[in-house]
Amino acid sequence: MPHSASAKKRLRQNVRSRDRNKAMKSEMKTSIRKVLDALSAKDVTAAKDLFKSVAKKADQAATAKTIHRNKAARIKSRLSARIVKTAQSAAS
């Protein structure tokens, strides 16, 4: 346990930010899973709608520095590529 007042405050801040970051990452992962489930069911329109929420959550997490901005870009890029690929295979 911390002894100094500043260390005690820092511990409180760390606990708060850890909980916030964990919740943000969990929401993001859940929304990614929903997009992937929609893609596995070949439901491209639902995947496109869900992708908007994933992009928003990834950008918010990057802005809050919960994840790196390049990771947010990578998540969006890979998901959009999978959506396009699934849409093309469904159209064929």
C-alpha atoms as a PDB file:
ATOM      1  CA  MET A   1       0.000   0.000   0.000  1.00  0.00           C
ATOM      2  CA  PRO A   2       1.216   3.509  -0.731  1.00  0.00           C
ATOM      3  CA  HIS A   3       2.294   5.700   2.169  1.00  0.00           C
ATOM      4  CA  SER A   4       2.541   9.193   0.744  1.00  0.00           C
ATOM      5  CA  ALA A   5      -0.514  11.228  -0.193  1.00  0.00           C
ATOM      6  CA  SER A   6       0.586  11.568  -3.807  1.00  0.00           C
ATOM      7  CA  ALA A   7       1.096   7.804  -4.117  1.00  0.00           C
ATOM      8  CA  LYS A   8      -2.365   7.176  -2.647  1.00  0.00           C
ATOM      9  CA  LYS A   9      -3.907   9.578  -5.156  1.00  0.00           C
ATOM     10  CA  ARG A  10      -1.979   7.959  -7.990  1.00  0.00           C
ATOM     11  CA  LEU A  11      -3.311   4.550  -6.935  1.00  0.00           C
ATOM     12  CA  ARG A  12      -6.889   5.883  -6.990  1.00  0.00           C
ATOM     13  CA  GLN A  13      -6.325   7.361 -10.449  1.00  0.00           C
ATOM     14  CA  ASN A  14      -4.805   4.125 -11.740  1.00  0.00           C
ATOM     15  CA  VAL A  15      -7.747   2.061 -10.512  1.00  0.00           C
ATOM     16  CA  ARG A  16     -10.230   4.446 -12.123  1.00  0.00           C
ATOM     17  CA  SER A  17      -8.426   4.547 -15.457  1.00  0.00           C
ATOM     18  CA  ARG A  18      -7.872   0.775 -15.467  1.00  0.00           C
ATOM     19  CA  ASP A  19     -11.594   0.160 -15.027  1.00  0.00           C
ATOM     20  CA  ARG A  20     -12.426   2.716 -17.727  1.00  0.00           C
ATOM     21  CA  ASN A  21      -9.896   1.243 -20.164  1.00  0.00           C
ATOM     22  CA  LYS A  22     -11.044  -2.312 -19.480  1.00  0.00           C
ATOM     23  CA  ALA A  23     -14.673  -1.399 -20.130  1.00  0.00           C
ATOM     24  CA  MET A  24     -13.791   0.457 -23.329  1.00  0.00           C
ATOM     25  CA  LYS A  25     -11.741  -2.442 -24.682  1.00  0.00           C
ATOM     26  CA  SER A  26     -14.455  -4.911 -23.761  1.00  0.00           C
ATOM     27  CA  GLU A  27     -17.121  -2.891 -25.595  1.00  0.00           C
ATOM     28  CA  MET A  28     -14.886  -2.658 -28.632  1.00  0.00           C
ATOM     29  CA  LYS A  29     -14.160  -6.396 -28.680  1.00  0.00           C
ATOM     30  CA  THR A  30     -17.852  -7.205 -28.297  1.00  0.00           C
ATOM     31  CA  SER A  31     -18.794  -4.991 -31.225  1.00  0.00           C
ATOM     32  CA  ILE A  32     -16.020  -6.545 -33.341  1.00  0.00           C
ATOM     33  CA  ARG A  33     -17.382  -9.994 -32.480  1.00  0.00           C
ATOM     34  CA  LYS A  34     -20.858  -8.924 -33.590  1.00  0.00           C
ATOM     35  CA  VAL A  35     -19.507  -7.814 -36.971  1.00  0.00           C
ATOM     36  CA  LEU A  36     -17.654 -11.101 -37.408  1.00  0.00           C
ATOM     37  CA  ASP A  37     -20.774 -13.060 -36.464  1.00  0.00           C
ATOM     38  CA  ALA A  38     -22.787 -11.124 -39.041  1.00  0.00           C
ATOM     39  CA  LEU A  39     -20.121 -11.846 -41.663  1.00  0.00           C
ATOM     40  CA  SER A  40     -20.090 -15.560 -40.855  1.00  0.00           C
ATOM     41  CA  ALA A  41     -23.872 -15.525 -41.362  1.00  0.00           C
ATOM     42  CA  LYS A  42     -23.270 -13.795 -44.736  1.00  0.00           C
ATOM     43  CA  ASP A  43     -25.337 -10.791 -43.574  1.00  0.00           C
ATOM     44  CA  VAL A  44     -23.382  -7.983 -45.237  1.00  0.00           C
ATOM     45  CA  THR A  45     -25.890  -5.202 -44.592  1.00  0.00           C
ATOM     46  CA  ALA A  46     -25.949  -5.916 -40.846  1.00  0.00           C
ATOM     47  CA  ALA A  47     -22.158  -6.120 -40.816  1.00  0.00           C
ATOM     48  CA  LYS A  48     -21.907  -2.707 -42.484  1.00  0.00           C
ATOM     49  CA  ASP A  49     -24.251  -1.179 -39.908  1.00  0.00           C
ATOM     50  CA  LEU A  50     -22.366  -2.780 -37.019  1.00  0.00           C
ATOM     51  CA  PHE A  51     -19.042  -1.705 -38.538  1.00  0.00           C
ATOM     52  CA  LYS A  52     -19.982   1.939 -37.956  1.00  0.00           C
ATOM     53  CA  SER A  53     -20.186   1.336 -34.222  1.00  0.00           C
ATOM     54  CA  VAL A  54     -16.873  -0.540 -34.265  1.00  0.00           C
ATOM     55  CA  ALA A  55     -15.174   2.348 -36.061  1.00  0.00           C
ATOM     56  CA  LYS A  56     -16.599   4.836 -33.587  1.00  0.00           C
ATOM     57  CA  LYS A  57     -15.566   2.784 -30.554  1.00  0.00           C
ATOM     58  CA  ALA A  58     -12.070   2.193 -31.948  1.00  0.00           C
ATOM     59  CA  ASP A  59     -11.613   5.897 -32.617  1.00  0.00           C
ATOM     60  CA  GLN A  60     -12.855   6.779 -29.137  1.00  0.00           C
ATOM     61  CA  ALA A  61     -10.459   4.269 -27.568  1.00  0.00           C
ATOM     62  CA  ALA A  62      -7.584   5.689 -29.606  1.00  0.00           C
ATOM     63  CA  THR A  63      -8.499   9.246 -28.636  1.00  0.00           C
ATOM     64  CA  ALA A  64      -8.591   8.257 -24.963  1.00  0.00           C
ATOM     65  CA  LYS A  65      -5.206   6.528 -25.481  1.00  0.00           C
ATOM     66  CA  THR A  66      -6.660   3.204 -24.373  1.00  0.00           C
ATOM     67  CA  ILE A  67      -5.320   1.679 -27.580  1.00  0.00           C
ATOM     68  CA  HIS A  68      -2.782   3.016 -30.052  1.00  0.00           C
ATOM     69  CA  ARG A  69      -4.165   4.987 -32.992  1.00  0.00           C
ATOM     70  CA  ASN A  70      -2.493   2.596 -35.433  1.00  0.00           C
ATOM     71  CA  LYS A  71      -4.267  -0.328 -33.772  1.00  0.00           C
ATOM     72  CA  ALA A  72      -7.589   1.455 -34.250  1.00  0.00           C
ATOM     73  CA  ALA A  73      -6.740   2.007 -37.911  1.00  0.00           C
ATOM     74  CA  ARG A  74      -5.703  -1.639 -38.282  1.00  0.00           C
ATOM     75  CA  ILE A  75      -8.958  -2.884 -36.734  1.00  0.00           C
ATOM     76  CA  LYS A  76     -11.043  -0.714 -39.059  1.00  0.00           C
ATOM     77  CA  SER A  77      -8.990  -1.633 -42.115  1.00  0.00           C
ATOM     78  CA  ARG A  78      -9.112  -5.382 -41.544  1.00  0.00           C
ATOM     79  CA  LEU A  79     -12.819  -5.418 -40.769  1.00  0.00           C
ATOM     80  CA  SER A  80     -13.710  -3.302 -43.790  1.00  0.00           C
ATOM     81  CA  ALA A  81     -11.599  -5.571 -45.996  1.00  0.00           C
ATOM     82  CA  ARG A  82     -13.466  -8.613 -44.675  1.00  0.00           C
ATOM     83  CA  ILE A  83     -16.793  -6.902 -45.289  1.00  0.00           C
ATOM     84  CA  VAL A  84     -15.815  -6.096 -48.890  1.00  0.00           C
ATOM     85  CA  LYS A  85     -14.546  -9.640 -49.454  1.00  0.00           C
ATOM     86  CA  THR A  86     -17.746 -11.155 -48.077  1.00  0.00           C
ATOM     87  CA  ALA A  87     -19.878  -8.778 -50.143  1.00  0.00           C
ATOM     88  CA  GLN A  88     -18.010  -9.742 -53.320  1.00  0.00           C
ATOM     89  CA  SER A  89     -18.324 -13.472 -52.624  1.00  0.00           C
ATOM     90  CA  ALA A  90     -22.038 -13.063 -51.865  1.00  0.00           C
ATOM     91  CA  ALA A  91     -22.568 -11.145 -55.122  1.00  0.00           C
ATOM     92  CA  SER A  92     -20.845 -13.834 -57.181  1.00  0.00           C
END
